Amino acid sequence: MKTMNLTENKVNKAYFGEYGGCFVPPILESKLNHLQLKFDELRKDQNFNKEYINYLKNYVGRPSPLYFAKNLSKLTGNKIYLKREDLNHTGAHKINNTIGQILVAKSMGAQEIIAETGAGQHGVASATAAALMGMKCKIFMGKVDTERQALNVVRMQLLGAEVITTHLGNGTLKDAVDAALGYYIENPDSYYLLGSAVGPHPYPQMVKFFQSIIGKEIKEQFYKLEKKLPDAIIACVGGGSNAIGAFAEFLNHDEVMLLGAEGGGTMLTAGNHAATLTLGKKMIFQGANSLCLANENGEASGSYSIAAGLDYPGIGPEHAHLKETKRATYYPISDKEAIDAYKLLSRTEGIIPAIESAHAVALALKTMNNKNKKIVINVSGRGDKDVDRLDQSVIKQN
């Protein structure tokens, strides 16, 4: 979407400090107003929440375990717990949001859902939810990501979704979002099941609501084990959904450090990283005012990360606000650091994490070594999808 074609929807807006809002073409204003009103109604509806929790329990497999990683703890001089979102049905945290939003879509009478995906995990989760509810599903994915996440493309197709490859831009997540938004503008009767806490209001608020189950479970599970709150919560950050879900329950507990790991790529120069919170500029991007990687002309620029789910030049507006207020701290993690952490967790705990989640493990190693802290790392997804692509650089190395 081009900024010049956008107007701010004054009726339907929500901000985190100065970040957020709803900047959309006029054709989508009434659609998003209706979505906001429906979501506000449903989030307070006991029957809706009961149905949602029932699916999380009996279909997704929640609560996901909080696992004490004794070997990693001994190695790092901390007490480390892993929140095992990788054990959810479909293998990642994304299913929490897609189940919630598919129920919203169903209540609105939607017949077709559309979604974007980078790493493929949101695409698989969207296709899964659509199959469950008997809805048509179109998944937009960048050309580069269809190649580096080929296994997830097959999974989406097996689940009955139509995978639409976009050749826009760099062929990554940003371009998939652009393509999905373009289709949505032309087909506003579809339901856009946005996968991260980005975009126009009410999506950042809605995705946070459905992903906050992660933080709620962490708080209850950790307190049961340790009789206190964690010293730190660490999560990877692409658009920001797993991180905001893990952070949500602790935002008002200043004693809990909130740390986010973003894609540092190969180096912190233009086109070689996805470190939006480190080097991004304030701008309106894909429907909201937030931070975004920009070129010398002030336009959104390309990003790069070995992790397709982190390869995105924007960021959810609440994360931009948390950075500005210093409630959360964000660090770029290089591809090499992530690969080393990917290998380390696999070999010390027998858990192969998604390469996205490995960034969070790497951040714990980088910032918390030998601090004798009690830490929770959100393992947002499992690494099956990355094994074929990383075998040369990881598996065959000693």
Protein backbone atom coordinates (compact mmCIF):
# COMPACT_ATOMS: atom_id res chain seq x y z
CA MET A 1 0.00 0.00 0.00
CA LYS A 2 1.26 3.46 -0.82
CA THR A 3 1.15 6.03 1.95
CA MET A 4 -0.28 8.71 -0.40
CA ASN A 5 -3.46 6.65 -0.85
CA LEU A 6 -4.13 6.31 2.87
CA THR A 7 -6.26 8.28 5.27
CA GLU A 8 -6.32 7.92 9.02
CA ASN A 9 -9.48 6.27 10.23
CA LYS A 10 -10.34 8.67 13.07
CA VAL A 11 -13.21 6.54 14.37
CA ASN A 12 -11.22 3.35 14.64
CA LYS A 13 -7.81 3.95 16.14
CA ALA A 14 -5.74 2.81 19.05
CA TYR A 15 -2.27 3.89 20.04
CA PHE A 16 0.55 2.70 22.25
CA GLY A 17 1.96 6.10 23.10
CA GLU A 18 2.43 7.69 19.69
CA TYR A 19 2.61 4.37 17.84
CA GLY A 20 -0.25 2.52 16.19
CA GLY A 21 -3.42 3.90 14.66
CA CYS A 22 -5.32 2.83 11.58
CA PHE A 23 -4.10 4.23 8.25
CA VAL A 24 -6.02 2.42 5.52
CA PRO A 25 -7.70 3.04 2.16
CA PRO A 26 -11.29 4.28 2.61
CA ILE A 27 -12.69 0.97 1.33
CA LEU A 28 -11.35 -0.79 4.44
CA GLU A 29 -12.47 1.75 7.07
CA SER A 30 -15.95 0.34 7.63
CA LYS A 31 -14.59 -3.21 7.49
CA LEU A 32 -12.08 -2.55 10.26
CA ASN A 33 -14.61 -0.56 12.29
CA HIS A 34 -16.92 -3.57 12.18
CA LEU A 35 -14.06 -5.89 13.10
CA GLN A 36 -13.17 -3.73 16.09
CA LEU A 37 -16.75 -3.65 17.33
CA LYS A 38 -17.16 -7.41 16.87
CA PHE A 39 -13.87 -8.16 18.63
CA ASP A 40 -14.74 -5.82 21.53
CA GLU A 41 -18.03 -7.67 21.87
CA LEU A 42 -16.58 -11.17 21.64
CA ARG A 43 -13.63 -10.66 23.98
CA LYS A 44 -16.17 -9.96 26.77
CA ASP A 45 -18.45 -12.85 25.79
CA GLN A 46 -18.14 -15.79 28.18
CA ASN A 47 -19.35 -18.29 25.58
CA PHE A 48 -16.81 -17.08 23.03
CA ASN A 49 -13.94 -17.29 25.53
CA LYS A 50 -15.12 -20.70 26.70
CA GLU A 51 -15.11 -21.98 23.11
CA TYR A 52 -11.68 -20.47 22.48
CA ILE A 53 -10.15 -22.00 25.60
CA ASN A 54 -11.75 -25.34 24.77
CA TYR A 55 -10.01 -25.39 21.39
CA LEU A 56 -6.71 -24.35 22.98
CA LYS A 57 -6.97 -27.19 25.48
CA ASN A 58 -8.37 -30.02 23.39
CA TYR A 59 -7.14 -29.16 19.89
CA VAL A 60 -3.94 -27.14 20.33
CA GLY A 61 -2.77 -29.02 23.42
CA ARG A 62 -2.43 -26.16 25.90
CA PRO A 63 -1.12 -25.41 28.39
CA SER A 64 2.29 -25.81 26.79
CA PRO A 65 4.93 -26.99 29.30
CA LEU A 66 7.39 -24.75 31.10
CA TYR A 67 10.46 -26.95 31.01
CA PHE A 68 13.50 -26.58 33.27
CA ALA A 69 16.51 -26.80 30.94
CA LYS A 70 19.01 -28.21 33.42
CA ASN A 71 21.87 -28.71 30.97
CA LEU A 72 21.58 -25.24 29.44
CA SER A 73 21.22 -23.81 32.94
CA LYS A 74 24.43 -25.44 34.12
CA LEU A 75 26.24 -24.25 31.03
CA THR A 76 25.12 -20.62 31.35
CA GLY A 77 25.17 -20.09 35.11
CA ASN A 78 21.46 -19.31 35.32
CA LYS A 79 18.26 -21.19 35.98
CA ILE A 80 16.63 -21.35 32.55
CA TYR A 81 13.10 -22.44 31.76
CA LEU A 82 11.84 -22.97 28.22
CA LYS A 83 8.23 -22.13 27.36
CA ARG A 84 7.50 -24.95 24.90
CA GLU A 85 5.32 -23.32 22.24
CA ASP A 86 7.05 -25.71 19.83
CA LEU A 87 4.87 -28.47 21.28
CA ASN A 88 1.61 -26.85 20.18
CA HIS A 89 -0.38 -28.41 17.35
CA THR A 90 1.24 -27.19 14.09
CA GLY A 91 4.52 -26.59 15.93
CA ALA A 92 4.45 -22.92 16.95
CA HIS A 93 2.68 -20.15 18.85
CA LYS A 94 0.84 -19.06 15.69
CA ILE A 95 -2.04 -21.45 16.29
CA ASN A 96 -3.11 -19.47 19.40
CA ASN A 97 -3.95 -16.48 17.21
CA THR A 98 -5.42 -18.33 14.24
CA ILE A 99 -7.88 -20.27 16.38
CA GLY A 100 -8.99 -17.04 18.05
CA GLN A 101 -9.31 -15.09 14.82
CA ILE A 102 -11.04 -17.92 12.93
CA LEU A 103 -13.73 -17.87 15.61
CA VAL A 104 -14.06 -14.11 15.09
CA ALA A 105 -14.28 -14.67 11.34
CA LYS A 106 -16.91 -17.36 11.81
CA SER A 107 -19.01 -15.06 13.98
CA MET A 108 -18.84 -12.43 11.21
CA GLY A 109 -20.08 -14.90 8.61
CA ALA A 110 -16.83 -15.02 6.63
CA GLN A 111 -16.60 -17.60 3.86
CA GLU A 112 -12.95 -17.06 2.96
CA ILE A 113 -9.87 -16.16 4.97
CA ILE A 114 -6.62 -14.76 3.65
CA ALA A 115 -3.29 -14.66 5.44
CA GLU A 116 0.38 -13.85 4.89
CA THR A 117 3.32 -15.94 5.97
CA GLY A 118 7.11 -15.77 6.03
CA ALA A 119 8.46 -18.79 7.89
CA GLY A 120 5.29 -20.64 6.95
CA GLN A 121 4.19 -21.28 10.53
CA HIS A 122 1.36 -18.72 10.40
CA GLY A 123 0.38 -20.05 7.00
CA VAL A 124 0.18 -23.60 8.32
CA ALA A 125 -1.74 -22.45 11.40
CA SER A 126 -4.16 -20.43 9.23
CA ALA A 127 -4.69 -23.35 6.87
CA THR A 128 -5.25 -25.61 9.86
CA ALA A 129 -7.86 -23.30 11.40
CA ALA A 130 -9.59 -22.86 8.04
CA ALA A 131 -9.76 -26.64 7.53
CA LEU A 132 -11.16 -27.01 11.03
CA MET A 133 -13.93 -24.51 10.33
CA GLY A 134 -14.57 -25.52 6.73
CA MET A 135 -13.49 -22.19 5.20
CA LYS A 136 -11.64 -21.40 2.00
CA CYS A 137 -8.12 -20.18 2.62
CA LYS A 138 -5.60 -18.23 0.55
CA ILE A 139 -2.04 -17.86 1.85
CA PHE A 140 0.28 -15.21 0.39
CA MET A 141 3.99 -15.98 0.56
CA GLY A 142 7.07 -14.38 -0.95
CA LYS A 143 8.99 -16.27 -3.65
CA VAL A 144 12.17 -16.48 -1.56
CA ASP A 145 10.26 -17.80 1.45
CA THR A 146 8.47 -20.48 -0.60
CA GLU A 147 11.91 -21.81 -1.47
CA ARG A 148 13.49 -21.64 1.99
CA GLN A 149 10.34 -22.97 3.69
CA ALA A 150 9.27 -25.51 1.07
CA LEU A 151 8.11 -28.05 3.66
CA ASN A 152 5.56 -25.63 5.06
CA VAL A 153 4.27 -24.86 1.56
CA VAL A 154 3.48 -28.57 1.15
CA ARG A 155 1.80 -28.65 4.56
CA MET A 156 -0.44 -25.69 3.69
CA GLN A 157 -1.45 -27.29 0.41
CA LEU A 158 -2.13 -30.61 2.12
CA LEU A 159 -4.47 -28.76 4.50
CA GLY A 160 -6.42 -27.44 1.52
CA ALA A 161 -5.09 -23.88 1.33
CA GLU A 162 -4.20 -22.12 -1.90
CA VAL A 163 -0.63 -20.82 -1.64
CA ILE A 164 -0.17 -17.68 -3.74
CA THR A 165 3.46 -16.85 -4.44
CA THR A 166 4.29 -13.18 -4.78
CA HIS A 167 7.29 -11.96 -6.76
CA LEU A 168 7.06 -8.44 -5.33
CA GLY A 169 10.16 -6.79 -3.85
CA ASN A 170 12.57 -9.20 -2.17
CA GLY A 171 10.03 -12.02 -2.06
CA THR A 172 9.90 -12.12 1.73
CA LEU A 173 7.41 -11.43 4.53
CA LYS A 174 6.97 -7.70 3.82
CA ASP A 175 6.00 -8.53 0.27
CA ALA A 176 3.60 -11.24 1.36
CA VAL A 177 1.86 -8.70 3.63
CA ASP A 178 1.69 -6.20 0.75
CA ALA A 179 0.16 -8.84 -1.53
CA ALA A 180 -2.36 -9.94 1.11
CA LEU A 181 -3.36 -6.33 1.80
CA GLY A 182 -3.75 -5.71 -1.92
CA TYR A 183 -6.09 -8.69 -2.24
CA TYR A 184 -7.99 -7.58 0.86
CA ILE A 185 -8.55 -4.11 -0.62
CA GLU A 186 -9.97 -5.70 -3.77
CA ASN A 187 -11.94 -8.34 -1.84
CA PRO A 188 -13.02 -6.67 1.44
CA ASP A 189 -15.60 -9.40 2.13
CA SER A 190 -12.74 -11.78 2.84
CA TYR A 191 -11.46 -12.02 6.40
CA TYR A 192 -7.79 -11.05 6.71
CA LEU A 193 -6.29 -13.25 9.40
CA LEU A 194 -3.17 -11.20 10.11
CA GLY A 195 -0.46 -13.22 11.79
CA SER A 196 1.48 -10.77 13.90
CA ALA A 197 0.89 -7.81 16.22
CA VAL A 198 1.37 -5.38 13.34
CA GLY A 199 -0.81 -3.46 10.91
CA PRO A 200 -3.84 -1.23 11.48
CA HIS A 201 -5.97 -1.29 14.60
CA PRO A 202 -7.51 -3.56 15.82
CA TYR A 203 -4.97 -6.18 14.71
CA PRO A 204 -2.14 -5.39 17.19
CA GLN A 205 -4.67 -5.40 20.03
CA MET A 206 -6.42 -8.54 18.80
CA VAL A 207 -3.27 -10.59 18.20
CA LYS A 208 -1.95 -9.58 21.63
CA PHE A 209 -5.22 -10.73 23.22
CA PHE A 210 -5.00 -14.19 21.65
CA GLN A 211 -1.26 -14.60 22.24
CA SER A 212 -1.39 -13.38 25.85
CA ILE A 213 -2.23 -16.95 26.84
CA ILE A 214 1.54 -17.54 26.65
CA GLY A 215 2.35 -14.97 29.34
CA LYS A 216 -0.58 -16.01 31.52
CA GLU A 217 0.63 -19.59 31.53
CA ILE A 218 4.25 -18.57 32.16
CA LYS A 219 3.21 -16.51 35.17
CA GLU A 220 1.15 -19.30 36.72
CA GLN A 221 3.62 -22.09 35.91
CA PHE A 222 6.71 -20.19 37.02
CA TYR A 223 5.16 -19.07 40.28
CA LYS A 224 4.12 -22.64 41.03
CA LEU A 225 7.73 -23.77 40.51
CA GLU A 226 9.68 -20.87 42.00
CA LYS A 227 7.18 -18.97 44.20
CA LYS A 228 8.23 -15.74 42.51
CA LEU A 229 8.18 -14.02 39.13
CA PRO A 230 10.98 -14.60 36.59
CA ASP A 231 13.92 -12.24 36.52
CA ALA A 232 13.65 -12.05 32.74
CA ILE A 233 11.47 -13.09 29.80
CA ILE A 234 13.29 -13.49 26.48
CA ALA A 235 11.64 -13.89 23.07
CA CYS A 236 12.50 -13.41 19.41
CA VAL A 237 10.89 -10.48 17.59
CA GLY A 238 9.93 -10.30 13.92
CA GLY A 239 6.55 -8.59 13.74
CA GLY A 240 6.28 -9.28 17.46
CA SER A 241 3.40 -11.67 18.23
CA ASN A 242 5.14 -14.35 20.30
CA ALA A 243 7.09 -11.69 22.20
CA ILE A 244 4.08 -9.52 23.02
CA GLY A 245 2.22 -12.66 24.05
CA ALA A 246 5.03 -13.65 26.42
CA PHE A 247 5.50 -10.08 27.71
CA ALA A 248 1.82 -9.15 28.14
CA GLU A 249 1.28 -10.49 31.63
CA PHE A 250 4.47 -8.86 32.93
CA LEU A 251 4.19 -5.33 31.52
CA ASN A 252 3.18 -3.94 34.91
CA HIS A 253 5.86 -5.90 36.79
CA ASP A 254 8.90 -3.66 36.40
CA GLU A 255 11.09 -6.13 38.27
CA VAL A 256 10.80 -8.56 35.32
CA MET A 257 13.21 -7.71 32.49
CA LEU A 258 11.70 -8.03 29.02
CA LEU A 259 14.25 -8.80 26.31
CA GLY A 260 13.63 -9.17 22.58
CA ALA A 261 15.96 -10.69 19.97
CA GLU A 262 15.65 -9.36 16.43
CA GLY A 263 17.34 -10.49 13.24
CA GLY A 264 20.84 -9.05 13.10
CA GLY A 265 21.57 -10.83 9.81
CA THR A 266 25.15 -10.77 8.56
CA MET A 267 25.99 -7.18 9.51
CA LEU A 268 24.15 -4.02 10.58
CA THR A 269 24.28 -2.32 7.20
CA ALA A 270 21.42 -1.66 4.79
CA GLY A 271 19.88 -4.80 3.35
CA ASN A 272 21.86 -7.14 5.59
CA HIS A 273 19.70 -7.23 8.71
CA ALA A 274 16.18 -7.00 10.13
CA ALA A 275 17.05 -5.00 13.26
CA THR A 276 14.08 -2.63 13.11
CA LEU A 277 14.03 -1.73 16.79
CA THR A 278 17.74 -0.98 16.68
CA LEU A 279 17.93 1.01 13.45
CA GLY A 280 14.36 1.68 12.31
CA LYS A 281 12.74 5.08 11.72
CA LYS A 282 9.27 6.31 12.65
CA MET A 283 6.90 6.07 9.70
CA ILE A 284 3.49 4.85 8.57
CA PHE A 285 3.95 1.33 7.26
CA GLN A 286 1.33 -1.25 6.35
CA GLY A 287 -1.49 0.52 8.16
CA ALA A 288 0.13 1.79 11.35
CA ASN A 289 2.59 4.36 12.65
CA SER A 290 5.57 2.44 13.98
CA LEU A 291 9.27 1.87 13.34
CA CYS A 292 10.48 0.58 10.00
CA LEU A 293 13.76 0.11 8.21
CA ALA A 294 14.01 2.94 5.68
CA ASN A 295 16.21 4.03 2.80
CA GLU A 296 17.69 7.50 2.24
CA ASN A 297 14.38 8.66 0.75
CA GLY A 298 12.44 7.72 3.89
CA GLU A 299 10.74 4.76 2.20
CA ALA A 300 10.48 1.25 3.64
CA SER A 301 13.56 -0.71 2.65
CA GLY A 302 14.44 -4.36 2.38
CA SER A 303 15.46 -6.54 5.29
CA TYR A 304 17.42 -9.75 5.71
CA SER A 305 17.58 -12.50 8.30
CA ILE A 306 18.41 -16.18 8.09
CA ALA A 307 15.08 -16.62 9.90
CA ALA A 308 12.19 -16.04 7.49
CA GLY A 309 9.88 -15.18 10.39
CA LEU A 310 12.18 -12.34 11.45
CA ASP A 311 12.91 -11.10 7.93
CA TYR A 312 10.57 -8.10 8.12
CA PRO A 313 11.42 -4.37 8.06
CA GLY A 314 8.56 -3.26 10.33
CA ILE A 315 7.56 -3.96 13.92
CA GLY A 316 4.38 -4.04 15.95
CA PRO A 317 3.55 -0.60 17.38
CA GLU A 318 3.47 -1.79 20.98
CA HIS A 319 7.06 -3.01 20.72
CA ALA A 320 8.08 0.41 19.38
CA HIS A 321 6.40 1.95 22.41
CA LEU A 322 8.02 -0.51 24.84
CA LYS A 323 11.42 0.33 23.40
CA GLU A 324 10.83 4.08 23.60
CA THR A 325 9.64 3.88 27.22
CA LYS A 326 12.52 1.49 28.02
CA ARG A 327 10.12 -1.11 29.42
CA ALA A 328 11.65 -3.67 27.08
CA THR A 329 15.12 -3.90 25.58
CA TYR A 330 15.83 -5.27 22.12
CA TYR A 331 19.09 -6.61 20.69
CA PRO A 332 20.13 -7.67 17.19
CA ILE A 333 21.30 -11.27 16.99
CA SER A 334 23.48 -12.24 14.04
CA ASP A 335 22.85 -15.25 11.82
CA LYS A 336 25.98 -16.89 13.22
CA GLU A 337 24.89 -16.37 16.83
CA ALA A 338 21.48 -17.85 16.02
CA ILE A 339 22.97 -20.88 14.25
CA ASP A 340 25.31 -21.51 17.18
CA ALA A 341 22.36 -21.34 19.60
CA TYR A 342 20.28 -23.58 17.31
CA LYS A 343 23.00 -26.20 17.48
CA LEU A 344 23.62 -25.70 21.21
CA LEU A 345 20.01 -26.18 22.31
CA SER A 346 19.68 -29.22 20.04
CA ARG A 347 22.74 -30.87 21.53
CA THR A 348 22.35 -29.88 25.19
CA GLU A 349 18.61 -30.39 25.67
CA GLY A 350 17.53 -32.53 22.72
CA ILE A 351 15.22 -29.73 21.55
CA ILE A 352 15.58 -28.47 17.97
CA PRO A 353 14.17 -24.93 17.98
CA ALA A 354 12.95 -22.90 15.04
CA ILE A 355 15.80 -20.71 13.81
CA GLU A 356 13.62 -17.76 14.90
CA SER A 357 13.48 -19.11 18.46
CA ALA A 358 17.23 -19.77 18.37
CA HIS A 359 17.68 -15.99 18.27
CA ALA A 360 16.08 -15.81 21.73
CA VAL A 361 18.36 -18.56 23.01
CA ALA A 362 21.34 -16.67 21.59
CA LEU A 363 20.24 -13.49 23.34
CA ALA A 364 20.14 -15.31 26.67
CA LEU A 365 23.69 -16.54 26.04
CA LYS A 366 24.83 -13.08 24.98
CA THR A 367 23.38 -10.98 27.80
CA MET A 368 22.71 -13.24 30.78
CA ASN A 369 25.71 -15.55 31.13
CA ASN A 370 26.71 -16.34 34.73
CA LYS A 371 24.27 -13.86 36.27
CA ASN A 372 22.53 -16.42 38.47
CA LYS A 373 19.11 -15.31 37.22
CA LYS A 374 15.88 -17.22 36.75
CA ILE A 375 14.98 -16.79 33.10
CA VAL A 376 12.19 -17.89 30.76
CA ILE A 377 13.00 -18.24 27.06
CA ASN A 378 9.99 -18.50 24.78
CA VAL A 379 10.68 -21.30 22.31
CA SER A 380 8.14 -20.00 19.83
CA GLY A 381 8.42 -22.84 17.33
CA ARG A 382 10.11 -26.10 16.45
CA GLY A 383 12.92 -26.41 13.98
CA ASP A 384 11.78 -29.21 11.66
CA LYS A 385 11.10 -26.60 8.97
CA ASP A 386 14.73 -25.41 9.08
CA VAL A 387 16.65 -28.68 9.10
CA ASP A 388 16.94 -29.20 5.34
CA ARG A 389 17.99 -25.62 4.72
CA LEU A 390 20.54 -25.46 7.54
CA ASP A 391 22.03 -28.93 7.26
CA GLN A 392 25.19 -27.79 5.50
CA SER A 393 26.00 -25.11 8.08
CA VAL A 394 24.75 -26.84 11.22
CA ILE A 395 24.26 -30.56 11.15
CA LYS A 396 27.44 -31.46 9.31
CA GLN A 397 29.61 -29.23 11.50
CA ASN A 398 31.22 -30.71 14.58
